[in-house]
Amino acid sequence: MELRQLKYFLAVAQEANFTRAAESVHISQPGISAQIRQLENDLGATLIDRSGRSVTLTAVGEVVHDHARSVLAAVESLRQAVDEMNGLVRGKLVVGMITACTVTPLFDALSGFHLAHPGVEITLLEEESGKLVEYVRKGTVDLALIGAANRVPDDLDGWQIVSEPIAAAVPPDHPLAESTGATLAELSGYPIICLPEGTGIRAVLDQASAAQGLTPTIALQASAPSTVINLAERGLGVAVLSESMIAQHKGLRTVPITDADAAAVLALISTPTKSPALRELLSHCQQSFTGAESGGLVRVSGTVAR
């Protein structure tokens, strides 16, 4: 019996099809069939019922399935333990980030991690925050940079990077330019330019407006804050962003929104169970963000797995 045979067996059980299973483990269909036959011969029992249109597990196969998963999990745990003892990190990491991400400390952390551990394959995924949360929950993404309204999900580990109120930005000749503050109802009288749904800033705007029975007119939306600013500078509407985003552009006046109580949060999230590679990447993130203007990472949920 070989470990790869157990891996192939689990793939067939999951796909209920030899061809799809072979594709998932990158082997030919005859090759995976032969390996499963060899496993059955070694165990002296039929594990898979091949009589139907889709393959199913026999009663013995069901028992072997549970043990096979335990064996492979134990082997992976053993490898991780040895890697940690030897100071080695290897494997794969999938890192998610909000669309049009410009958070350079994250890029610095990825760069530093790659230089220290070139054997780890890193895959980057750009997506809106809501989907990134679900991907982390499912385990298809290891670490993600997301935007949220007020807080990150309680069931995930979270590290807050930025938490600040949203504000409006208008050109100097706009009717609100000299105002010391505006309500959401007042803003609703103007076309709004904002980030798309799935971002923390948009979530704060939508939730605060809905709580008051308001439906702002989103005239334009863009993934990059700089684009939102550029559109507002040209008089196409009132930009709604975080205060720090607006402060970077001197051509617009900042108008505080007086009744949007929730904060726009930028945070890193991950699942509570962490591989050695993920723990190392989080360490690099801690170093990178600590030296950034954000002030570093602030724990907001979960428990660190060291």
Protein backbone atom coordinates (compact mmCIF):
# COMPACT_ATOMS: atom_id res chain seq x y z
CA MET A 1 0.00 0.00 0.00
CA GLU A 2 1.30 3.44 -0.93
CA LEU A 3 0.21 6.89 0.20
CA ARG A 4 -0.44 7.97 -3.37
CA GLN A 5 -2.93 5.11 -3.73
CA LEU A 6 -4.88 6.46 -0.75
CA LYS A 7 -4.80 9.91 -2.34
CA TYR A 8 -6.12 8.52 -5.63
CA PHE A 9 -8.80 6.56 -3.80
CA LEU A 10 -10.04 9.69 -2.01
CA ALA A 11 -10.11 11.57 -5.32
CA VAL A 12 -12.28 8.88 -6.91
CA ALA A 13 -14.59 8.89 -3.88
CA GLN A 14 -14.97 12.67 -4.08
CA GLU A 15 -15.52 12.90 -7.84
CA ALA A 16 -17.55 9.66 -8.17
CA ASN A 17 -15.85 9.32 -11.53
CA PHE A 18 -12.47 7.89 -12.55
CA THR A 19 -11.86 10.37 -15.36
CA ARG A 20 -12.54 13.48 -13.27
CA ALA A 21 -10.55 12.04 -10.37
CA ALA A 22 -7.59 11.37 -12.68
CA GLU A 23 -7.69 14.98 -13.88
CA SER A 24 -7.79 16.33 -10.32
CA VAL A 25 -4.63 14.44 -9.30
CA HIS A 26 -2.89 14.86 -12.67
CA ILE A 27 -2.65 11.22 -13.69
CA SER A 28 -4.09 9.27 -16.61
CA GLN A 29 -7.41 7.48 -16.22
CA PRO A 30 -5.87 4.03 -16.82
CA GLY A 31 -3.15 4.91 -14.34
CA ILE A 32 -5.53 5.81 -11.52
CA SER A 33 -7.67 2.71 -12.23
CA ALA A 34 -4.60 0.49 -12.01
CA GLN A 35 -3.52 2.07 -8.72
CA ILE A 36 -6.96 1.60 -7.17
CA ARG A 37 -6.96 -2.05 -8.33
CA GLN A 38 -3.56 -2.53 -6.67
CA LEU A 39 -4.88 -0.97 -3.44
CA GLU A 40 -7.85 -3.33 -3.49
CA ASN A 41 -5.56 -6.30 -4.08
CA ASP A 42 -3.32 -5.26 -1.18
CA LEU A 43 -6.32 -4.93 1.15
CA GLY A 44 -8.07 -8.01 -0.18
CA ALA A 45 -11.41 -6.25 -0.67
CA THR A 46 -13.37 -4.33 -3.28
CA LEU A 47 -13.50 -0.68 -2.34
CA ILE A 48 -15.39 0.81 -5.28
CA ASP A 49 -18.61 -0.35 -6.93
CA ARG A 50 -18.11 0.16 -10.65
CA SER A 51 -21.44 -1.31 -11.81
CA GLY A 52 -23.37 1.96 -12.03
CA ARG A 53 -23.03 5.03 -14.24
CA SER A 54 -21.17 6.74 -11.40
CA VAL A 55 -18.80 4.95 -9.08
CA THR A 56 -19.76 4.51 -5.43
CA LEU A 57 -17.99 3.17 -2.39
CA THR A 58 -18.69 -0.30 -1.09
CA ALA A 59 -19.29 -0.84 2.63
CA VAL A 60 -15.60 -1.66 3.01
CA GLY A 61 -14.74 1.36 0.89
CA GLU A 62 -16.64 3.62 3.29
CA VAL A 63 -14.54 2.35 6.20
CA VAL A 64 -11.30 2.68 4.23
CA HIS A 65 -12.32 6.22 3.19
CA ASP A 66 -12.35 7.50 6.78
CA HIS A 67 -9.07 5.82 7.62
CA ALA A 68 -7.42 7.08 4.42
CA ARG A 69 -8.31 10.67 5.28
CA SER A 70 -6.89 10.22 8.77
CA VAL A 71 -3.69 8.66 7.45
CA LEU A 72 -3.04 11.44 4.93
CA ALA A 73 -3.88 14.12 7.50
CA ALA A 74 -1.44 12.52 9.94
CA VAL A 75 1.28 12.42 7.27
CA GLU A 76 0.76 16.11 6.47
CA SER A 77 0.86 16.95 10.18
CA LEU A 78 4.09 14.99 10.51
CA ARG A 79 5.64 16.87 7.58
CA GLN A 80 4.64 20.21 9.06
CA ALA A 81 6.08 19.26 12.45
CA VAL A 82 9.40 18.24 10.88
CA ASP A 83 9.46 21.41 8.77
CA GLU A 84 8.96 23.53 11.87
CA MET A 85 11.72 21.71 13.73
CA ASN A 86 14.07 22.19 10.80
CA GLY A 87 13.06 25.80 10.28
CA LEU A 88 11.74 24.97 6.81
CA VAL A 89 8.62 26.30 5.15
CA ARG A 90 7.20 24.92 1.95
CA GLY A 91 3.88 24.40 0.23
CA LYS A 92 1.34 26.75 -1.32
CA LEU A 93 -0.47 29.86 -0.14
CA VAL A 94 -3.44 31.60 -1.73
CA VAL A 95 -3.65 35.27 -0.75
CA GLY A 96 -6.76 37.30 -1.54
CA MET A 97 -6.99 41.06 -1.75
CA ILE A 98 -9.63 43.62 -2.53
CA THR A 99 -9.89 44.66 -6.17
CA ALA A 100 -7.52 47.47 -7.21
CA CYS A 101 -5.56 46.98 -4.00
CA THR A 102 -2.92 49.67 -3.35
CA VAL A 103 -1.96 48.65 0.19
CA THR A 104 1.81 48.52 -0.25
CA PRO A 105 2.64 46.98 3.18
CA LEU A 106 0.90 43.82 1.98
CA PHE A 107 3.12 43.76 -1.10
CA ASP A 108 6.17 44.35 1.10
CA ALA A 109 5.17 41.42 3.30
CA LEU A 110 4.72 39.14 0.29
CA SER A 111 8.09 40.20 -1.09
CA GLY A 112 9.88 39.62 2.20
CA PHE A 113 8.22 36.26 2.67
CA HIS A 114 9.13 35.15 -0.87
CA LEU A 115 12.78 36.10 -0.39
CA ALA A 116 12.91 34.17 2.90
CA HIS A 117 10.97 31.13 1.64
CA PRO A 118 11.27 30.82 -2.15
CA GLY A 119 10.00 27.24 -2.00
CA VAL A 120 6.47 28.36 -1.13
CA GLU A 121 4.22 28.99 -4.11
CA ILE A 122 2.09 32.13 -3.70
CA THR A 123 -1.10 32.69 -5.68
CA LEU A 124 -2.79 36.12 -5.61
CA LEU A 125 -6.53 36.55 -6.07
CA GLU A 126 -8.33 39.87 -6.52
CA GLU A 127 -12.00 39.83 -5.53
CA GLU A 128 -14.63 41.81 -3.66
CA SER A 129 -14.56 41.48 0.11
CA GLY A 130 -17.75 39.45 0.56
CA LYS A 131 -16.48 36.69 -1.69
CA LEU A 132 -13.04 36.73 -0.07
CA VAL A 133 -14.66 36.12 3.32
CA GLU A 134 -16.45 33.05 1.94
CA TYR A 135 -13.27 31.78 0.28
CA VAL A 136 -11.40 32.02 3.60
CA ARG A 137 -14.23 30.20 5.36
CA LYS A 138 -14.09 27.41 2.78
CA GLY A 139 -10.32 27.20 3.01
CA THR A 140 -9.68 28.01 -0.66
CA VAL A 141 -7.94 31.27 0.39
CA ASP A 142 -5.45 31.23 3.27
CA LEU A 143 -5.16 34.95 3.98
CA ALA A 144 -7.17 37.88 2.63
CA LEU A 145 -7.12 41.66 2.84
CA ILE A 146 -10.73 42.84 3.01
CA GLY A 147 -12.85 45.89 3.66
CA ALA A 148 -15.77 45.65 6.08
CA ALA A 149 -18.29 47.76 7.96
CA ASN A 150 -17.28 48.16 11.61
CA ARG A 151 -15.83 44.67 12.22
CA VAL A 152 -14.58 41.48 10.64
CA PRO A 153 -16.54 38.17 10.87
CA ASP A 154 -16.38 36.65 14.37
CA ASP A 155 -15.68 33.14 13.09
CA LEU A 156 -12.40 34.13 11.44
CA ASP A 157 -9.11 35.40 12.78
CA GLY A 158 -8.85 39.10 12.05
CA TRP A 159 -6.24 41.82 12.28
CA GLN A 160 -7.43 45.40 11.88
CA ILE A 161 -5.21 47.67 9.82
CA VAL A 162 -7.36 50.79 9.50
CA SER A 163 -10.66 51.82 11.05
CA GLU A 164 -12.01 55.27 10.18
CA PRO A 165 -15.27 57.03 9.30
CA ILE A 166 -16.43 57.69 5.78
CA ALA A 167 -16.66 61.25 4.49
CA ALA A 168 -17.79 63.16 1.43
CA ALA A 169 -15.46 64.99 -0.94
CA VAL A 170 -16.59 67.85 -3.18
CA PRO A 171 -14.95 70.47 -5.43
CA PRO A 172 -14.47 73.99 -3.97
CA ASP A 173 -17.46 75.36 -5.93
CA HIS A 174 -19.91 72.69 -4.71
CA PRO A 175 -22.85 73.80 -2.48
CA LEU A 176 -21.48 71.61 0.35
CA ALA A 177 -17.89 72.83 0.05
CA GLU A 178 -18.11 75.25 2.99
CA SER A 179 -20.19 72.94 5.16
CA THR A 180 -18.75 71.63 8.44
CA GLY A 181 -20.73 68.44 8.03
CA ALA A 182 -23.58 66.84 6.11
CA THR A 183 -26.17 64.20 6.90
CA LEU A 184 -26.87 61.21 4.69
CA ALA A 185 -30.23 62.77 3.82
CA GLU A 186 -28.43 65.89 2.57
CA LEU A 187 -26.00 63.81 0.53
CA SER A 188 -28.91 61.91 -1.01
CA GLY A 189 -29.85 65.09 -2.83
CA TYR A 190 -26.71 64.77 -4.97
CA PRO A 191 -25.35 62.07 -7.27
CA ILE A 192 -22.85 59.89 -5.39
CA ILE A 193 -19.57 58.50 -6.68
CA CYS A 194 -18.36 55.56 -4.63
CA LEU A 195 -16.50 52.27 -4.55
CA PRO A 196 -18.43 49.17 -5.68
CA GLU A 197 -20.43 46.80 -3.48
CA GLY A 198 -18.25 44.40 -1.56
CA THR A 199 -15.94 47.13 -0.23
CA GLY A 200 -15.96 48.30 3.38
CA ILE A 201 -16.63 51.93 2.48
CA ARG A 202 -19.61 51.03 0.31
CA ALA A 203 -20.94 48.71 3.02
CA VAL A 204 -20.85 51.53 5.58
CA LEU A 205 -22.65 53.90 3.18
CA ASP A 206 -25.31 51.35 2.22
CA GLN A 207 -25.97 50.13 5.77
CA ALA A 208 -26.15 53.61 7.29
CA SER A 209 -28.45 54.81 4.50
CA ALA A 210 -30.74 51.76 4.76
CA ALA A 211 -31.05 52.28 8.53
CA GLN A 212 -32.57 55.69 7.79
CA GLY A 213 -34.74 54.51 4.93
CA LEU A 214 -32.58 56.32 2.38
CA THR A 215 -31.49 55.13 -1.05
CA PRO A 216 -28.58 57.24 -2.31
CA THR A 217 -28.25 57.74 -6.05
CA ILE A 218 -24.99 55.99 -6.99
CA ALA A 219 -24.27 57.81 -10.22
CA LEU A 220 -20.82 56.32 -10.78
CA GLN A 221 -18.65 53.72 -9.11
CA ALA A 222 -15.02 52.69 -9.56
CA SER A 223 -12.74 50.12 -7.97
CA ALA A 224 -9.83 52.53 -7.42
CA PRO A 225 -10.23 55.38 -4.88
CA SER A 226 -8.10 57.62 -7.12
CA THR A 227 -10.64 57.19 -9.91
CA VAL A 228 -13.49 58.12 -7.56
CA ILE A 229 -11.54 61.27 -6.63
CA ASN A 230 -10.82 62.16 -10.26
CA LEU A 231 -14.49 61.85 -11.20
CA ALA A 232 -15.54 64.06 -8.27
CA GLU A 233 -12.93 66.67 -9.18
CA ARG A 234 -14.61 66.96 -12.57
CA GLY A 235 -17.98 67.72 -11.00
CA LEU A 236 -19.67 64.40 -11.76
CA GLY A 237 -20.89 63.89 -8.22
CA VAL A 238 -20.03 63.74 -4.52
CA ALA A 239 -17.27 61.26 -3.72
CA VAL A 240 -17.75 59.07 -0.64
CA LEU A 241 -14.51 57.56 0.66
CA SER A 242 -12.59 57.31 3.92
CA GLU A 243 -11.16 60.49 5.40
CA SER A 244 -7.55 59.43 4.78
CA MET A 245 -8.23 58.69 1.11
CA ILE A 246 -9.69 62.16 0.61
CA ALA A 247 -6.87 63.84 2.53
CA GLN A 248 -4.36 62.64 -0.07
CA HIS A 249 -5.99 64.84 -2.73
CA LYS A 250 -5.90 68.60 -2.17
CA GLY A 251 -8.28 69.48 -4.99
CA LEU A 252 -11.39 68.49 -3.02
CA ARG A 253 -12.97 69.69 0.23
CA THR A 254 -13.66 67.10 2.93
CA VAL A 255 -17.20 67.14 4.32
CA PRO A 256 -17.71 64.88 7.39
CA ILE A 257 -20.82 62.70 7.28
CA THR A 258 -22.42 63.32 10.65
CA ASP A 259 -24.78 60.34 10.92
CA ALA A 260 -22.80 57.41 9.47
CA ASP A 261 -21.74 55.83 12.75
CA ALA A 262 -20.06 52.63 11.56
CA ALA A 263 -16.39 52.72 10.64
CA ALA A 264 -14.88 51.49 7.39
CA VAL A 265 -12.45 48.75 8.38
CA LEU A 266 -9.49 47.42 6.40
CA ALA A 267 -8.34 44.09 7.83
CA LEU A 268 -6.49 40.86 7.22
CA ILE A 269 -8.47 37.67 7.83
CA SER A 270 -7.52 34.01 7.94
CA THR A 271 -8.86 30.71 9.20
CA PRO A 272 -7.92 29.77 12.80
CA THR A 273 -5.94 26.70 11.62
CA LYS A 274 -2.63 27.81 10.16
CA SER A 275 0.12 26.05 8.27
CA PRO A 276 3.76 26.90 9.04
CA ALA A 277 3.87 28.87 5.78
CA LEU A 278 0.84 30.96 6.74
CA ARG A 279 2.23 31.67 10.19
CA GLU A 280 5.45 32.86 8.61
CA LEU A 281 3.55 35.11 6.18
CA LEU A 282 1.55 36.59 9.07
CA SER A 283 4.81 37.33 10.84
CA HIS A 284 6.01 39.24 7.77
CA CYS A 285 2.68 41.10 7.64
CA GLN A 286 3.09 42.10 11.28
CA GLN A 287 6.54 43.51 10.58
CA SER A 288 5.46 45.24 7.38
CA PHE A 289 2.33 46.88 8.73
CA THR A 290 3.98 47.88 12.00
CA GLY A 291 6.34 50.07 10.01
CA ALA A 292 3.53 51.54 7.91
CA GLU A 293 1.45 54.65 8.51
CA SER A 294 -1.50 52.43 9.44
CA GLY A 295 0.15 51.89 12.82
CA GLY A 296 0.37 48.11 12.55
CA LEU A 297 -1.96 45.18 13.01
CA VAL A 298 -4.55 45.23 15.79
CA ARG A 299 -6.10 41.93 16.81
CA VAL A 300 -9.89 42.12 16.47
CA SER A 301 -11.02 38.47 16.59
CA GLY A 302 -9.88 34.88 16.85
CA THR A 303 -6.89 33.35 18.57
CA VAL A 304 -3.35 33.33 17.25
CA ALA A 305 -2.05 29.86 16.46
CA ARG A 306 1.67 29.93 17.17
